[in-house]
């Protein structure tokens, strides 16, 4: 049995909270990550409706004209574990809440 929810069961980008829609700065990212053991792997959760866990590539590039620092997505590792989905929802991003 496939228990993966359909795309329609998740909030749209317009329904996400302001926190989920904010743009993160380099300083805020450093502060968020400083709360964790520096040897802890970092993963990227993508596509809430069909969620994947991705590695981050060990590269960052600044686009000074646009005033943006880019992080590159690494390889897809697996489907996102339910524990990660729950942690993201509890951290304030409703896009990761399962709607059943």
C-alpha atoms as a PDB file:
ATOM      1  CA  UNK A   1       0.000   0.000   0.000  1.00  0.00           C
ATOM      2  CA  UNK A   2       1.306   3.442  -0.902  1.00  0.00           C
ATOM      3  CA  UNK A   3       0.892   5.745   2.077  1.00  0.00           C
ATOM      4  CA  UNK A   4       2.592   8.713   0.412  1.00  0.00           C
ATOM      5  CA  UNK A   5       0.258  11.710   0.434  1.00  0.00           C
ATOM      6  CA  UNK A   6      -0.669  13.441  -2.783  1.00  0.00           C
ATOM      7  CA  UNK A   7       0.535  16.915  -3.640  1.00  0.00           C
ATOM      8  CA  UNK A   8      -2.942  18.340  -2.927  1.00  0.00           C
ATOM      9  CA  UNK A   9      -2.709  17.288   0.731  1.00  0.00           C
ATOM     10  CA  UNK A  10      -0.026  19.894   1.547  1.00  0.00           C
ATOM     11  CA  UNK A  11      -0.276  23.650   1.993  1.00  0.00           C
ATOM     12  CA  UNK A  12       0.675  25.645  -1.081  1.00  0.00           C
ATOM     13  CA  UNK A  13       3.573  28.078  -0.992  1.00  0.00           C
ATOM     14  CA  UNK A  14       1.011  30.832  -0.467  1.00  0.00           C
ATOM     15  CA  UNK A  15      -0.337  29.054   2.597  1.00  0.00           C
ATOM     16  CA  UNK A  16       3.077  28.687   4.247  1.00  0.00           C
ATOM     17  CA  UNK A  17       3.885  30.830   7.265  1.00  0.00           C
ATOM     18  CA  UNK A  18       5.963  33.982   6.970  1.00  0.00           C
ATOM     19  CA  UNK A  19       8.823  32.146   8.671  1.00  0.00           C
ATOM     20  CA  UNK A  20       8.892  29.522   5.927  1.00  0.00           C
ATOM     21  CA  UNK A  21       8.866  32.238   3.251  1.00  0.00           C
ATOM     22  CA  UNK A  22      11.629  34.389   4.738  1.00  0.00           C
ATOM     23  CA  UNK A  23      15.007  34.504   3.097  1.00  0.00           C
ATOM     24  CA  UNK A  24      17.776  33.276   5.356  1.00  0.00           C
ATOM     25  CA  UNK A  25      20.965  35.334   5.617  1.00  0.00           C
ATOM     26  CA  UNK A  26      24.491  33.941   5.953  1.00  0.00           C
ATOM     27  CA  UNK A  27      24.626  35.189   9.556  1.00  0.00           C
ATOM     28  CA  UNK A  28      21.314  33.536  10.426  1.00  0.00           C
ATOM     29  CA  UNK A  29      22.432  30.255   8.842  1.00  0.00           C
ATOM     30  CA  UNK A  30      25.706  30.320  10.769  1.00  0.00           C
ATOM     31  CA  UNK A  31      23.787  31.021  13.988  1.00  0.00           C
ATOM     32  CA  UNK A  32      21.335  28.159  13.354  1.00  0.00           C
ATOM     33  CA  UNK A  33      24.130  25.719  12.611  1.00  0.00           C
ATOM     34  CA  UNK A  34      26.300  26.852  15.545  1.00  0.00           C
ATOM     35  CA  UNK A  35      23.784  25.240  17.902  1.00  0.00           C
ATOM     36  CA  UNK A  36      24.811  21.784  16.643  1.00  0.00           C
ATOM     37  CA  UNK A  37      27.887  19.592  16.887  1.00  0.00           C
ATOM     38  CA  UNK A  38      30.227  20.677  14.068  1.00  0.00           C
ATOM     39  CA  UNK A  39      30.696  17.032  13.016  1.00  0.00           C
ATOM     40  CA  UNK A  40      26.957  16.495  12.412  1.00  0.00           C
ATOM     41  CA  UNK A  41      26.120  15.914   8.723  1.00  0.00           C
ATOM     42  CA  UNK A  42      23.950  18.551   7.054  1.00  0.00           C
ATOM     43  CA  UNK A  43      21.081  17.441   4.806  1.00  0.00           C
ATOM     44  CA  UNK A  44      18.626  19.345   2.655  1.00  0.00           C
ATOM     45  CA  UNK A  45      14.936  18.424   2.736  1.00  0.00           C
ATOM     46  CA  UNK A  46      13.284  19.052  -0.644  1.00  0.00           C
ATOM     47  CA  UNK A  47       9.818  18.757  -2.204  1.00  0.00           C
ATOM     48  CA  UNK A  48       7.414  18.501   0.744  1.00  0.00           C
ATOM     49  CA  UNK A  49       4.771  16.686  -1.318  1.00  0.00           C
ATOM     50  CA  UNK A  50       7.199  13.941  -2.344  1.00  0.00           C
ATOM     51  CA  UNK A  51       9.995  14.559   0.118  1.00  0.00           C
ATOM     52  CA  UNK A  52      13.636  13.701  -0.444  1.00  0.00           C
ATOM     53  CA  UNK A  53      16.767  13.982   1.674  1.00  0.00           C
ATOM     54  CA  UNK A  54      19.705  15.433  -0.221  1.00  0.00           C
ATOM     55  CA  UNK A  55      23.303  16.063   0.661  1.00  0.00           C
ATOM     56  CA  UNK A  56      24.748  19.531   0.246  1.00  0.00           C
ATOM     57  CA  UNK A  57      27.702  19.767  -2.080  1.00  0.00           C
ATOM     58  CA  UNK A  58      30.797  21.132  -0.323  1.00  0.00           C
ATOM     59  CA  UNK A  59      30.707  24.349  -2.340  1.00  0.00           C
ATOM     60  CA  UNK A  60      29.379  27.855  -1.792  1.00  0.00           C
ATOM     61  CA  UNK A  61      29.634  30.664  -4.323  1.00  0.00           C
ATOM     62  CA  UNK A  62      28.846  34.332  -3.947  1.00  0.00           C
ATOM     63  CA  UNK A  63      27.048  36.234  -6.680  1.00  0.00           C
ATOM     64  CA  UNK A  64      28.102  39.715  -5.657  1.00  0.00           C
ATOM     65  CA  UNK A  65      26.005  41.427  -8.348  1.00  0.00           C
ATOM     66  CA  UNK A  66      22.847  39.765  -6.989  1.00  0.00           C
ATOM     67  CA  UNK A  67      23.966  39.898  -3.358  1.00  0.00           C
ATOM     68  CA  UNK A  68      23.378  36.173  -2.870  1.00  0.00           C
ATOM     69  CA  UNK A  69      25.455  33.237  -1.633  1.00  0.00           C
ATOM     70  CA  UNK A  70      24.594  29.968  -3.393  1.00  0.00           C
ATOM     71  CA  UNK A  71      24.827  26.517  -1.831  1.00  0.00           C
ATOM     72  CA  UNK A  72      24.800  23.594  -4.237  1.00  0.00           C
ATOM     73  CA  UNK A  73      22.539  20.598  -3.799  1.00  0.00           C
ATOM     74  CA  UNK A  74      24.427  17.343  -3.572  1.00  0.00           C
ATOM     75  CA  UNK A  75      23.158  13.924  -4.513  1.00  0.00           C
ATOM     76  CA  UNK A  76      19.776  12.583  -3.496  1.00  0.00           C
ATOM     77  CA  UNK A  77      20.279  10.245  -0.556  1.00  0.00           C
ATOM     78  CA  UNK A  78      16.822   8.821   0.177  1.00  0.00           C
ATOM     79  CA  UNK A  79      13.223   9.687   0.776  1.00  0.00           C
ATOM     80  CA  UNK A  80      12.918  12.074   3.699  1.00  0.00           C
ATOM     81  CA  UNK A  81      12.365  10.155   6.960  1.00  0.00           C
ATOM     82  CA  UNK A  82       9.125  10.883   8.822  1.00  0.00           C
ATOM     83  CA  UNK A  83      11.188  11.957  11.834  1.00  0.00           C
ATOM     84  CA  UNK A  84      12.783  14.708   9.724  1.00  0.00           C
ATOM     85  CA  UNK A  85       9.391  15.786   8.354  1.00  0.00           C
ATOM     86  CA  UNK A  86       8.046  16.017  11.919  1.00  0.00           C
ATOM     87  CA  UNK A  87      11.070  17.987  13.147  1.00  0.00           C
ATOM     88  CA  UNK A  88      10.730  20.498  10.292  1.00  0.00           C
ATOM     89  CA  UNK A  89       7.004  20.935  10.982  1.00  0.00           C
ATOM     90  CA  UNK A  90       7.642  21.393  14.708  1.00  0.00           C
ATOM     91  CA  UNK A  91      10.320  23.977  13.890  1.00  0.00           C
ATOM     92  CA  UNK A  92       7.616  26.091  12.276  1.00  0.00           C
ATOM     93  CA  UNK A  93       7.357  25.126   8.601  1.00  0.00           C
ATOM     94  CA  UNK A  94       3.816  23.854   7.952  1.00  0.00           C
ATOM     95  CA  UNK A  95       4.690  22.568   4.484  1.00  0.00           C
ATOM     96  CA  UNK A  96       6.195  19.496   6.165  1.00  0.00           C
ATOM     97  CA  UNK A  97       3.037  18.586   8.121  1.00  0.00           C
ATOM     98  CA  UNK A  98       1.338  15.452   6.858  1.00  0.00           C
ATOM     99  CA  UNK A  99      -2.341  16.004   6.182  1.00  0.00           C
ATOM    100  CA  UNK A 100      -4.244  12.755   6.533  1.00  0.00           C
END
